[in-house]
Structure formats: structure tokens, C-alpha cells
Amino acid sequence: MRIVVALGGNALLRRGEALSAPNQFANIQRAAAQLALVADGNELVLTHGNGPQVGLLALQSAAYAAVEAYPLDVLGAQTDGMIGYLLEQELNNLLPLRVVVTLMTRVLVHLDDPAFAAPSKPIGPVYTGAEAKRIAQEEGWTMAADGKGFRRVVPSPTPQSVFGLQPMEWLLAHEALVIAAGGGGIPVAVGADGHSLHGVEAVIDKDSCSALLARDLNAECLVIATDVSAVYMDFGLPTQRPVHSASPDAFRNVSFAAGSMGPKVAAACAFVKATGQRAVIGSLDQIEAMLRGEAGTQVRADGALTP
């Protein structure tokens, strides 16, 4: 199969962990071990999040006052290289005969996207209320609640198109394992002249971009890997229960708390509706069973809502 696997932030850094290189190494080793299990015989494209990493780079950039802080598109590109390198290294240790390639991937967004007026994408570490208030005043950043703490939020415009599909197709045809659209891709927009491109201060949602990329690459399955085993109804309540299968229509009237499964479900449903193929949301530790249809939440065009 041709499979797009979207690695959630937990594959790189678990909630509550320090934003350190050793922690990222350890998590990527675990992620690579699972991905290697399904690499043989499949065309595999990996995408990944970058929220903690791009937020850390933004803090480091702002701390050096001798020059103006680097914009988010440049910092996003840095995370693509950093995380891509780590994934390449570990995957090649496990798959020495497989070519693994990281592509810096630009993604087109529109400057009139309403997301620019309503920042919503969390990046960087979690702060206490007092810390968030101080940093917001010092840096001019927007903060929003995230669980019991606060995080910086930035615009997250809708991805319109992914650049670089032709080299991705060529690499897949030559049996390479491709890492692309890291962090939702590097956001770019068309300039005032109507044709030149420039970077944009934003971070695109990784799952939304992964669904678009999977559609354009004619993938047969989109895997959205997260840190829970499935989508849960009434998550966190005594009545919580996993959803084993559902169709996009079955999810239409189901709401999820902000910052939870909502973007993942929306991305899975968008891919299924556009292609008629299958998407699955669940734990990376169960990726083999998810691809067999035996684990996770299977989203299919004709799937009933099955708890």
C-alpha cells in the first residue's frame, strides 16, 4: 500500500517532558521501531508535528536580542531539518537497505485566511498562568489555555496546496521512504505581484496538511498516530468509550473539546470524503493492527459509528 503516516507530537516529545535533545532521541527511536514494522513492501510517507520544537526555537531566537527574532516560517524549516535528520538516522539504523529522504516542503496558504485574525495553534512549552502573562507582555505573544496550563498560540491557516509532489512521486517509485511536510509544511503565500512567494508567520496544522498530501499522492490509507488508542466519546468522563469505526457522516454531529481530537477527526474525514479510501486514528504502538483494521478508529466512507 501507499501509506501516509502523520506522527503526532508524542512521537517526538511527550507531554510534560523537557524540550531536550536526549528526550527527542529516545522518543524518535521508539517511533522508528514501530514504523520499521510496516515499511517492508509498502510505499511510506511520513509527516510529523513540530509544535514543541518550533516554540522552543522561537524562545531561543527571541532571547538573543542583538538581532531581530527569526520568523516562524524559517523556524519551521529548521525543525523540518532537525526532526527529519533524527527520523532518517533511526530509520536507516533499522532499515539499512532502504533509502530514507527528508524533503523540505512548502505549503501554500491564503493571506486572507481568517486564522490570521484568530491564533489557535499551540506551540512551545506549557506555562503557569503567571509565566504566560509575563511572557505575553514581554514578547507580545498570544497565550491560550492548554489543559491546566497555558501555551503560546499562533495563526494556523488552512493548507491550500503542497509543493514538491513530483519529486515525492519519483522517490516513492524508486522505493525510498519519504519524510515530508514536517510541522504541516513551511507556510508560504503569493505576493502582491501575483506570482512570487514569501514565507508567512504561521504554523499549519499537521493533520490537515497530511490529509491534503495523502489525497494528492493517491494514498490508500492515512494513519494519524497519536498517544491514545482510538478516538473516544466522552473522553475523560466515566462514560468514555472508544469508537472502533465510523464514517465522516457519522462524525458530523459529534463535537470534541478544543485542542483534542477535533483536528485529527476532521483531517481523517476530509481524506476519506475526498478519496473513498480509509483513514485510521490511534496509537503508533499499534500501527500493524491499525493497518489490518483491528485497532484504532477506522474511518471509512461506509462505516457506521461503532463504539
Protein backbone atom coordinates (compact mmCIF):
# COMPACT_ATOMS: atom_id res chain seq x y z
CA MET A 1 0.00 0.00 0.00
CA ARG A 2 0.88 3.63 -0.31
CA ILE A 3 0.52 4.94 3.24
CA VAL A 4 0.87 8.41 4.73
CA VAL A 5 1.65 8.28 8.46
CA ALA A 6 1.21 11.52 10.41
CA LEU A 7 3.29 11.36 13.58
CA GLY A 8 1.79 13.28 16.47
CA GLY A 9 3.85 15.35 18.86
CA ASN A 10 4.04 12.40 21.26
CA ALA A 11 6.26 10.62 18.74
CA LEU A 12 8.82 13.36 19.28
CA LEU A 13 8.19 14.70 22.76
CA ARG A 14 5.68 13.52 25.34
CA ARG A 15 3.58 15.96 27.33
CA GLY A 16 5.41 17.12 30.44
CA GLU A 17 8.88 16.13 29.19
CA ALA A 18 11.68 18.67 29.00
CA LEU A 19 12.39 20.00 25.49
CA SER A 20 15.78 18.30 25.44
CA ALA A 21 17.68 16.54 22.69
CA PRO A 22 18.01 13.24 24.66
CA ASN A 23 14.23 13.10 25.19
CA GLN A 24 13.63 13.64 21.48
CA PHE A 25 16.20 10.97 20.59
CA ALA A 26 14.50 8.43 22.87
CA ASN A 27 11.01 9.12 21.53
CA ILE A 28 12.11 9.01 17.91
CA GLN A 29 13.83 5.68 18.50
CA ARG A 30 10.51 4.27 19.76
CA ALA A 31 8.62 5.76 16.81
CA ALA A 32 11.12 4.46 14.25
CA ALA A 33 10.90 0.94 15.70
CA GLN A 34 7.15 0.90 15.03
CA LEU A 35 7.42 2.44 11.57
CA ALA A 36 10.04 -0.12 10.56
CA LEU A 37 7.48 -2.88 11.20
CA VAL A 38 5.28 -1.67 8.32
CA ALA A 39 7.92 -0.30 5.94
CA ASP A 40 8.65 -3.55 4.08
CA GLY A 41 6.54 -3.90 0.96
CA ASN A 42 4.77 -0.56 1.41
CA GLU A 43 5.28 2.92 -0.02
CA LEU A 44 5.63 5.04 3.09
CA VAL A 45 5.43 8.82 3.51
CA LEU A 46 5.94 10.27 7.00
CA THR A 47 4.77 13.63 8.22
CA HIS A 48 5.23 14.96 11.73
CA GLY A 49 4.28 17.72 14.13
CA ASN A 50 6.66 20.41 15.36
CA GLY A 51 4.72 22.41 17.96
CA PRO A 52 7.11 21.97 20.89
CA GLN A 53 10.21 22.30 18.73
CA VAL A 54 9.21 25.42 16.79
CA GLY A 55 8.10 27.02 20.05
CA LEU A 56 11.47 26.28 21.63
CA LEU A 57 13.33 27.76 18.66
CA ALA A 58 11.13 30.86 18.87
CA LEU A 59 12.08 31.29 22.53
CA GLN A 60 15.76 30.83 21.79
CA SER A 61 15.58 33.26 18.87
CA ALA A 62 13.79 35.88 20.98
CA ALA A 63 16.37 35.52 23.78
CA TYR A 64 19.19 36.78 21.54
CA ALA A 65 18.37 40.47 21.43
CA ALA A 66 21.27 41.52 19.17
CA VAL A 67 19.21 40.66 16.05
CA GLU A 68 15.52 40.55 15.31
CA ALA A 69 13.91 37.18 16.05
CA TYR A 70 13.60 34.82 13.09
CA PRO A 71 10.08 34.41 11.60
CA LEU A 72 8.04 31.27 12.14
CA ASP A 73 8.37 30.01 8.56
CA VAL A 74 12.18 29.98 8.91
CA LEU A 75 11.97 28.35 12.33
CA GLY A 76 9.56 25.78 10.90
CA ALA A 77 12.06 24.97 8.18
CA GLN A 78 14.72 24.47 10.87
CA THR A 79 12.50 21.95 12.66
CA ASP A 80 11.95 20.10 9.38
CA GLY A 81 15.67 19.60 9.02
CA MET A 82 16.25 18.73 12.66
CA ILE A 83 13.40 16.24 13.04
CA GLY A 84 13.92 14.83 9.55
CA TYR A 85 17.56 14.12 10.38
CA LEU A 86 16.63 12.31 13.59
CA LEU A 87 14.00 10.20 11.84
CA GLU A 88 16.33 9.41 8.94
CA GLN A 89 19.08 8.32 11.31
CA GLU A 90 16.94 5.93 13.33
CA LEU A 91 15.03 4.53 10.36
CA ASN A 92 18.25 3.80 8.48
CA ASN A 93 19.66 2.08 11.58
CA LEU A 94 16.67 -0.27 11.43
CA LEU A 95 16.30 -0.41 7.62
CA PRO A 96 19.89 -0.20 6.31
CA LEU A 97 18.91 -1.20 2.77
CA ARG A 98 16.11 1.37 2.45
CA VAL A 99 16.77 4.89 1.18
CA VAL A 100 15.25 7.46 3.56
CA VAL A 101 14.87 11.04 2.32
CA THR A 102 13.67 14.23 4.02
CA LEU A 103 12.11 16.89 1.80
CA MET A 104 11.71 20.50 2.86
CA THR A 105 8.09 21.05 1.89
CA ARG A 106 6.47 24.40 1.21
CA VAL A 107 2.70 24.64 1.54
CA LEU A 108 0.57 27.39 0.05
CA VAL A 109 -1.79 29.34 2.32
CA HIS A 110 -4.01 32.35 1.65
CA LEU A 111 -3.26 35.64 3.37
CA ASP A 112 -6.97 36.36 3.79
CA ASP A 113 -7.46 33.18 5.83
CA PRO A 114 -9.45 34.09 8.96
CA ALA A 115 -6.94 32.12 11.05
CA PHE A 116 -4.58 35.11 10.95
CA ALA A 117 -7.06 37.11 12.99
CA ALA A 118 -7.65 34.29 15.49
CA PRO A 119 -4.41 32.50 16.54
CA SER A 120 -5.20 28.96 17.73
CA LYS A 121 -2.22 26.68 17.12
CA PRO A 122 -0.33 25.89 20.38
CA ILE A 123 3.46 25.86 20.14
CA GLY A 124 6.26 25.64 22.66
CA PRO A 125 6.18 24.64 26.34
CA VAL A 126 3.33 24.78 28.83
CA TYR A 127 3.39 27.73 31.25
CA THR A 128 1.70 28.60 34.50
CA GLY A 129 -0.75 31.49 34.41
CA ALA A 130 1.79 33.92 35.86
CA GLU A 131 4.51 32.83 33.45
CA ALA A 132 2.17 33.12 30.48
CA LYS A 133 1.10 36.63 31.45
CA ARG A 134 4.70 37.80 31.86
CA ILE A 135 5.92 36.30 28.58
CA ALA A 136 2.91 37.61 26.66
CA GLN A 137 3.72 41.13 27.88
CA GLU A 138 7.44 40.82 27.16
CA GLU A 139 7.18 39.25 23.71
CA GLY A 140 3.77 40.42 22.51
CA TRP A 141 2.66 36.82 22.06
CA THR A 142 -0.89 35.48 22.33
CA MET A 143 -1.43 32.86 25.04
CA ALA A 144 -4.31 30.42 25.48
CA ALA A 145 -5.29 27.72 27.95
CA ASP A 146 -3.91 24.25 27.26
CA GLY A 147 -5.04 21.70 29.84
CA LYS A 148 -4.09 23.03 33.26
CA GLY A 149 -1.56 25.48 31.85
CA PHE A 150 -1.07 27.95 29.03
CA ARG A 151 0.82 27.90 25.73
CA ARG A 152 1.63 30.39 23.03
CA VAL A 153 -0.81 30.22 20.11
CA VAL A 154 -0.11 31.33 16.54
CA PRO A 155 -2.17 31.50 13.32
CA SER A 156 -2.89 28.15 11.68
CA PRO A 157 -4.21 28.82 8.16
CA THR A 158 -5.78 26.11 6.02
CA PRO A 159 -3.29 24.46 3.63
CA GLN A 160 -4.29 25.01 0.01
CA SER A 161 -1.69 23.02 -1.94
CA VAL A 162 1.55 21.15 -1.29
CA PHE A 163 4.65 21.88 -3.36
CA GLY A 164 7.04 19.12 -4.39
CA LEU A 165 4.64 16.31 -5.28
CA GLN A 166 6.66 15.35 -8.38
CA PRO A 167 9.90 14.55 -6.52
CA MET A 168 7.89 12.69 -3.88
CA GLU A 169 6.34 10.51 -6.59
CA TRP A 170 9.76 9.88 -8.12
CA LEU A 171 11.26 8.89 -4.78
CA LEU A 172 8.38 6.55 -3.95
CA ALA A 173 8.66 4.93 -7.37
CA HIS A 174 12.31 4.23 -6.52
CA GLU A 175 11.37 2.61 -3.17
CA ALA A 176 12.52 5.48 -0.96
CA LEU A 177 10.87 6.16 2.36
CA VAL A 178 9.93 9.84 2.27
CA ILE A 179 9.67 12.29 5.17
CA ALA A 180 7.79 15.41 4.07
CA ALA A 181 5.51 18.26 5.15
CA GLY A 182 7.05 18.36 8.61
CA GLY A 183 5.15 20.54 11.03
CA GLY A 184 2.36 20.91 8.47
CA GLY A 185 4.83 22.23 5.92
CA ILE A 186 6.54 25.60 5.60
CA PRO A 187 3.76 28.17 5.05
CA VAL A 188 4.16 30.42 2.01
CA ALA A 189 1.79 32.82 0.26
CA VAL A 190 1.61 34.61 -3.08
CA GLY A 191 2.99 38.14 -3.03
CA ALA A 192 1.43 41.37 -4.28
CA ASP A 193 2.81 40.78 -7.79
CA GLY A 194 0.56 37.72 -8.10
CA HIS A 195 3.27 35.11 -8.64
CA SER A 196 6.27 35.39 -6.28
CA LEU A 197 6.11 33.51 -2.98
CA HIS A 198 7.12 34.59 0.51
CA GLY A 199 7.12 32.98 3.93
CA VAL A 200 4.28 33.52 6.38
CA GLU A 201 4.23 33.88 10.18
CA ALA A 202 2.14 30.78 10.93
CA VAL A 203 2.24 27.08 11.74
CA ILE A 204 -0.03 24.86 9.65
CA ASP A 205 -1.94 22.04 11.32
CA LYS A 206 0.00 18.85 10.65
CA ASP A 207 -3.07 16.62 10.36
CA SER A 208 -4.85 18.92 7.92
CA CYS A 209 -1.78 19.09 5.70
CA SER A 210 -1.24 15.33 5.96
CA ALA A 211 -4.79 14.70 4.72
CA LEU A 212 -4.20 17.02 1.75
CA LEU A 213 -0.86 15.38 0.97
CA ALA A 214 -2.34 11.87 1.24
CA ARG A 215 -5.12 12.88 -1.15
CA ASP A 216 -2.74 14.39 -3.71
CA LEU A 217 -0.41 11.37 -3.56
CA ASN A 218 -3.34 8.95 -4.04
CA ALA A 219 -2.53 7.19 -0.78
CA GLU A 220 -4.54 4.11 0.09
CA CYS A 221 -4.50 4.80 3.81
CA LEU A 222 -3.89 7.78 6.09
CA VAL A 223 -2.65 6.88 9.57
CA ILE A 224 -2.90 9.62 12.20
CA ALA A 225 -0.73 8.40 15.07
CA THR A 226 -1.35 9.89 18.49
CA ASP A 227 -0.89 8.97 22.15
CA VAL A 228 -4.25 7.26 22.71
CA SER A 229 -5.52 4.00 21.28
CA ALA A 230 -8.55 5.45 19.48
CA VAL A 231 -10.99 8.33 19.29
CA TYR A 232 -13.07 8.33 22.48
CA MET A 233 -16.59 9.53 23.03
CA ASP A 234 -16.97 11.42 26.35
CA PHE A 235 -13.19 11.37 26.79
CA GLY A 236 -12.11 11.83 30.40
CA LEU A 237 -15.58 11.07 31.78
CA PRO A 238 -16.79 7.86 33.46
CA THR A 239 -18.83 7.23 30.29
CA GLN A 240 -15.85 7.38 27.92
CA ARG A 241 -15.75 4.67 25.26
CA PRO A 242 -13.63 4.13 22.15
CA VAL A 243 -15.00 4.45 18.64
CA HIS A 244 -13.90 1.43 16.62
CA SER A 245 -15.26 2.58 13.27
CA ALA A 246 -17.19 5.48 11.80
CA SER A 247 -17.93 7.29 8.56
CA PRO A 248 -17.43 11.02 8.00
CA ASP A 249 -21.21 11.42 8.11
CA ALA A 250 -21.38 9.58 11.44
CA PHE A 251 -18.89 12.07 12.91
CA ARG A 252 -20.74 15.09 11.54
CA ASN A 253 -22.73 15.78 14.71
CA VAL A 254 -20.03 14.72 17.18
CA SER A 255 -18.10 17.53 18.85
CA PHE A 256 -14.73 17.38 20.57
CA ALA A 257 -13.14 19.75 23.03
CA ALA A 258 -10.86 22.40 21.53
CA GLY A 259 -7.31 21.16 21.13
CA SER A 260 -8.31 17.49 21.46
CA MET A 261 -9.28 15.02 18.75
CA GLY A 262 -11.17 17.57 16.67
CA PRO A 263 -8.44 18.38 14.10
CA LYS A 264 -7.49 14.71 13.74
CA VAL A 265 -11.07 13.59 13.15
CA ALA A 266 -11.63 16.46 10.71
CA ALA A 267 -8.48 15.53 8.77
CA ALA A 268 -9.37 11.84 8.64
CA CYS A 269 -12.90 12.61 7.47
CA ALA A 270 -11.68 15.07 4.82
CA PHE A 271 -9.32 12.44 3.36
CA VAL A 272 -11.99 9.73 3.31
CA LYS A 273 -14.60 12.00 1.75
CA ALA A 274 -12.20 13.18 -0.95
CA THR A 275 -10.82 9.76 -1.88
CA GLY A 276 -13.12 6.99 -0.68
CA GLN A 277 -10.05 5.41 0.92
CA ARG A 278 -9.52 4.62 4.60
CA ALA A 279 -8.08 6.62 7.48
CA VAL A 280 -7.27 5.38 10.96
CA ILE A 281 -6.56 7.25 14.20
CA GLY A 282 -4.78 5.51 17.06
CA SER A 283 -1.58 4.73 18.90
CA LEU A 284 1.64 4.35 16.93
CA ASP A 285 2.41 1.34 19.13
CA GLN A 286 -0.45 -0.48 17.36
CA ILE A 287 0.32 0.54 13.79
CA GLU A 288 0.39 -3.00 12.42
CA ALA A 289 -3.03 -3.79 13.88
CA MET A 290 -4.36 -0.41 12.72
CA LEU A 291 -3.37 -1.16 9.14
CA ARG A 292 -5.04 -4.57 9.40
CA GLY A 293 -8.21 -2.82 10.55
CA GLU A 294 -8.02 -4.39 14.01
CA ALA A 295 -7.13 -1.35 16.16
CA GLY A 296 -7.65 2.37 16.36
CA THR A 297 -10.64 4.23 15.00
CA GLN A 298 -11.21 3.14 11.41
CA VAL A 299 -12.78 5.90 9.33
CA ARG A 300 -14.38 4.59 6.15
CA ALA A 301 -16.84 6.02 3.67
CA ASP A 302 -19.48 3.46 4.65
CA GLY A 303 -18.57 2.89 8.31
CA ALA A 304 -21.28 3.12 10.97
CA LEU A 305 -20.48 4.73 14.31
CA THR A 306 -19.40 1.63 16.23
CA PRO A 307 -18.29 2.01 19.87
